[in-house]
Amino acid sequence: MAQKRFAPKLHIKKGDKVQVIAGDSKGEVGTIAQVFVDDYRAIVEGVNMVTKHRKPTQQGEKGERVQMEAPINISNLMLVDPTTNKPTRIGRRVEAGKLVRYSKKSNQTIK
């Protein structure tokens, strides 16, 4: 019988505003569009753009080059504090019986 794998607890989720802290796109800010939990990667809107060459799919159609976002490792992303607009580490605490994320920089709860 195969063992069940548990998804790791991540510090970011879809819709969060993040800043890239390492790599070619260092310093750029964007919103998380998609998270790949098993691969520990995320797609950030407007960050880590790559050119993909598409072949023609029908007769008479031309091939094209398309700019698209590539996944980036989650360890290279840092959540942007909503109050100060600066990157911050996050923590977790229990509020009203629920585990919530909070900013270490401003001590404010993150939705």
C-alpha atoms as a PDB file:
ATOM      1  CA  MET A   1       0.000   0.000   0.000  1.00  0.00           C
ATOM      2  CA  ALA A   2       1.406   3.394  -0.988  1.00  0.00           C
ATOM      3  CA  GLN A   3       1.922   6.085   1.623  1.00  0.00           C
ATOM      4  CA  LYS A   4      -0.217   9.190   1.401  1.00  0.00           C
ATOM      5  CA  ARG A   5       1.778  12.382   0.741  1.00  0.00           C
ATOM      6  CA  PHE A   6       0.727  15.498   2.576  1.00  0.00           C
ATOM      7  CA  ALA A   7       0.947  18.906   0.930  1.00  0.00           C
ATOM      8  CA  PRO A   8       3.430  21.259   2.606  1.00  0.00           C
ATOM      9  CA  LYS A   9       2.137  24.361   4.398  1.00  0.00           C
ATOM     10  CA  LEU A  10       3.076  27.319   2.207  1.00  0.00           C
ATOM     11  CA  HIS A  11       3.554  30.966   3.196  1.00  0.00           C
ATOM     12  CA  ILE A  12       1.787  32.231   0.053  1.00  0.00           C
ATOM     13  CA  LYS A  13      -1.466  31.444  -1.726  1.00  0.00           C
ATOM     14  CA  LYS A  14      -3.365  32.438  -4.865  1.00  0.00           C
ATOM     15  CA  GLY A  15      -4.182  36.145  -4.991  1.00  0.00           C
ATOM     16  CA  ASP A  16      -1.330  37.264  -2.694  1.00  0.00           C
ATOM     17  CA  LYS A  17       0.874  40.187  -3.717  1.00  0.00           C
ATOM     18  CA  VAL A  18       4.500  39.015  -3.708  1.00  0.00           C
ATOM     19  CA  GLN A  19       7.970  40.318  -4.507  1.00  0.00           C
ATOM     20  CA  VAL A  20      10.713  38.248  -6.156  1.00  0.00           C
ATOM     21  CA  ILE A  21      13.795  38.189  -3.914  1.00  0.00           C
ATOM     22  CA  ALA A  22      16.175  36.132  -6.087  1.00  0.00           C
ATOM     23  CA  GLY A  23      16.836  35.305  -9.727  1.00  0.00           C
ATOM     24  CA  ASP A  24      16.574  37.210 -13.006  1.00  0.00           C
ATOM     25  CA  SER A  25      13.290  38.892 -11.999  1.00  0.00           C
ATOM     26  CA  LYS A  26      14.628  40.080  -8.616  1.00  0.00           C
ATOM     27  CA  GLY A  27      12.737  43.087  -7.238  1.00  0.00           C
ATOM     28  CA  GLU A  28       9.633  42.682  -9.415  1.00  0.00           C
ATOM     29  CA  VAL A  29       6.207  42.669  -7.747  1.00  0.00           C
ATOM     30  CA  GLY A  30       3.126  40.766  -8.928  1.00  0.00           C
ATOM     31  CA  THR A  31       0.082  38.763  -7.900  1.00  0.00           C
ATOM     32  CA  ILE A  32       0.061  34.981  -7.569  1.00  0.00           C
ATOM     33  CA  ALA A  33      -2.015  33.519 -10.426  1.00  0.00           C
ATOM     34  CA  GLN A  34      -1.496  29.817  -9.718  1.00  0.00           C
ATOM     35  CA  VAL A  35       0.316  27.662  -7.156  1.00  0.00           C
ATOM     36  CA  PHE A  36       1.762  24.201  -7.876  1.00  0.00           C
ATOM     37  CA  VAL A  37       2.018  22.728  -4.371  1.00  0.00           C
ATOM     38  CA  ASP A  38       3.700  19.440  -5.326  1.00  0.00           C
ATOM     39  CA  ASP A  39       6.403  21.198  -7.372  1.00  0.00           C
ATOM     40  CA  TYR A  40       6.836  24.027  -4.796  1.00  0.00           C
ATOM     41  CA  ARG A  41       6.412  26.597  -7.592  1.00  0.00           C
ATOM     42  CA  ALA A  42       4.036  29.445  -8.427  1.00  0.00           C
ATOM     43  CA  ILE A  43       3.119  31.570 -11.422  1.00  0.00           C
ATOM     44  CA  VAL A  44       3.274  35.312 -10.760  1.00  0.00           C
ATOM     45  CA  GLU A  45       1.486  37.679 -13.159  1.00  0.00           C
ATOM     46  CA  GLY A  46       3.961  39.678 -15.253  1.00  0.00           C
ATOM     47  CA  VAL A  47       7.066  38.092 -13.701  1.00  0.00           C
ATOM     48  CA  ASN A  48       9.552  35.553 -15.153  1.00  0.00           C
ATOM     49  CA  MET A  49       8.351  36.037 -18.726  1.00  0.00           C
ATOM     50  CA  VAL A  50       9.532  33.509 -21.337  1.00  0.00           C
ATOM     51  CA  THR A  51       9.019  33.221 -25.104  1.00  0.00           C
ATOM     52  CA  LYS A  52       7.229  30.105 -26.319  1.00  0.00           C
ATOM     53  CA  HIS A  53       7.244  29.167 -29.996  1.00  0.00           C
ATOM     54  CA  ARG A  54       3.903  27.797 -31.200  1.00  0.00           C
ATOM     55  CA  LYS A  55       3.599  25.694 -34.343  1.00  0.00           C
ATOM     56  CA  PRO A  56       0.706  26.239 -36.740  1.00  0.00           C
ATOM     57  CA  THR A  57      -2.171  23.892 -35.876  1.00  0.00           C
ATOM     58  CA  GLN A  58      -4.185  24.211 -39.106  1.00  0.00           C
ATOM     59  CA  GLN A  59      -3.279  24.553 -42.752  1.00  0.00           C
ATOM     60  CA  GLY A  60      -2.763  28.180 -43.804  1.00  0.00           C
ATOM     61  CA  GLU A  61      -2.046  29.291 -40.230  1.00  0.00           C
ATOM     62  CA  LYS A  62       1.299  30.794 -39.243  1.00  0.00           C
ATOM     63  CA  GLY A  63       3.483  29.890 -36.314  1.00  0.00           C
ATOM     64  CA  GLU A  64       3.998  32.514 -33.620  1.00  0.00           C
ATOM     65  CA  ARG A  65       6.065  33.480 -30.626  1.00  0.00           C
ATOM     66  CA  VAL A  66       4.063  33.965 -27.435  1.00  0.00           C
ATOM     67  CA  GLN A  67       5.212  35.705 -24.231  1.00  0.00           C
ATOM     68  CA  MET A  68       4.014  33.867 -21.125  1.00  0.00           C
ATOM     69  CA  GLU A  69       4.805  33.562 -17.421  1.00  0.00           C
ATOM     70  CA  ALA A  70       6.916  30.623 -16.284  1.00  0.00           C
ATOM     71  CA  PRO A  71       6.672  29.101 -12.795  1.00  0.00           C
ATOM     72  CA  ILE A  72       9.105  30.390 -10.166  1.00  0.00           C
ATOM     73  CA  ASN A  73      10.236  28.616  -7.012  1.00  0.00           C
ATOM     74  CA  ILE A  74       8.248  29.647  -3.928  1.00  0.00           C
ATOM     75  CA  SER A  75      11.442  30.102  -1.906  1.00  0.00           C
ATOM     76  CA  ASN A  76      12.284  33.040  -4.213  1.00  0.00           C
ATOM     77  CA  LEU A  77       9.024  34.851  -3.376  1.00  0.00           C
ATOM     78  CA  MET A  78       8.251  37.021  -0.373  1.00  0.00           C
ATOM     79  CA  LEU A  79       4.812  38.261   0.642  1.00  0.00           C
ATOM     80  CA  VAL A  80       4.275  42.035   0.442  1.00  0.00           C
ATOM     81  CA  ASP A  81       2.851  43.563   3.630  1.00  0.00           C
ATOM     82  CA  PRO A  82      -0.503  45.204   2.776  1.00  0.00           C
ATOM     83  CA  THR A  83       0.053  48.130   5.183  1.00  0.00           C
ATOM     84  CA  THR A  84       3.679  49.068   4.411  1.00  0.00           C
ATOM     85  CA  ASN A  85       3.971  47.719   0.814  1.00  0.00           C
ATOM     86  CA  LYS A  86       7.329  46.143   1.702  1.00  0.00           C
ATOM     87  CA  PRO A  87       8.271  42.446   1.675  1.00  0.00           C
ATOM     88  CA  THR A  88       7.759  40.689   4.989  1.00  0.00           C
ATOM     89  CA  ARG A  89       8.052  37.290   6.586  1.00  0.00           C
ATOM     90  CA  ILE A  90       4.854  35.730   7.863  1.00  0.00           C
ATOM     91  CA  GLY A  91       3.880  33.866  10.982  1.00  0.00           C
ATOM     92  CA  ARG A  92       0.838  31.878  12.043  1.00  0.00           C
ATOM     93  CA  ARG A  93      -1.284  32.325  15.142  1.00  0.00           C
ATOM     94  CA  VAL A  94      -4.701  31.264  16.384  1.00  0.00           C
ATOM     95  CA  GLU A  95      -7.410  33.937  16.345  1.00  0.00           C
ATOM     96  CA  ALA A  96     -11.003  33.057  17.267  1.00  0.00           C
ATOM     97  CA  GLY A  97     -10.206  29.345  16.984  1.00  0.00           C
ATOM     98  CA  LYS A  98      -8.752  29.642  13.463  1.00  0.00           C
ATOM     99  CA  LEU A  99      -5.136  29.584  12.300  1.00  0.00           C
ATOM    100  CA  VAL A 100      -4.389  32.856  10.481  1.00  0.00           C
ATOM    101  CA  ARG A 101      -1.318  34.364   8.825  1.00  0.00           C
ATOM    102  CA  TYR A 102       0.171  37.601  10.108  1.00  0.00           C
ATOM    103  CA  SER A 103       2.921  39.955   8.996  1.00  0.00           C
ATOM    104  CA  LYS A 104       6.075  39.848  11.119  1.00  0.00           C
ATOM    105  CA  LYS A 105       6.884  43.433  10.082  1.00  0.00           C
ATOM    106  CA  SER A 106       3.602  45.138  11.060  1.00  0.00           C
ATOM    107  CA  ASN A 107       2.021  42.392  13.224  1.00  0.00           C
ATOM    108  CA  GLN A 108      -1.219  42.748  11.177  1.00  0.00           C
ATOM    109  CA  THR A 109      -3.397  39.791  10.201  1.00  0.00           C
ATOM    110  CA  ILE A 110      -3.280  38.892   6.500  1.00  0.00           C
ATOM    111  CA  LYS A 111      -6.607  37.872   4.993  1.00  0.00           C
END
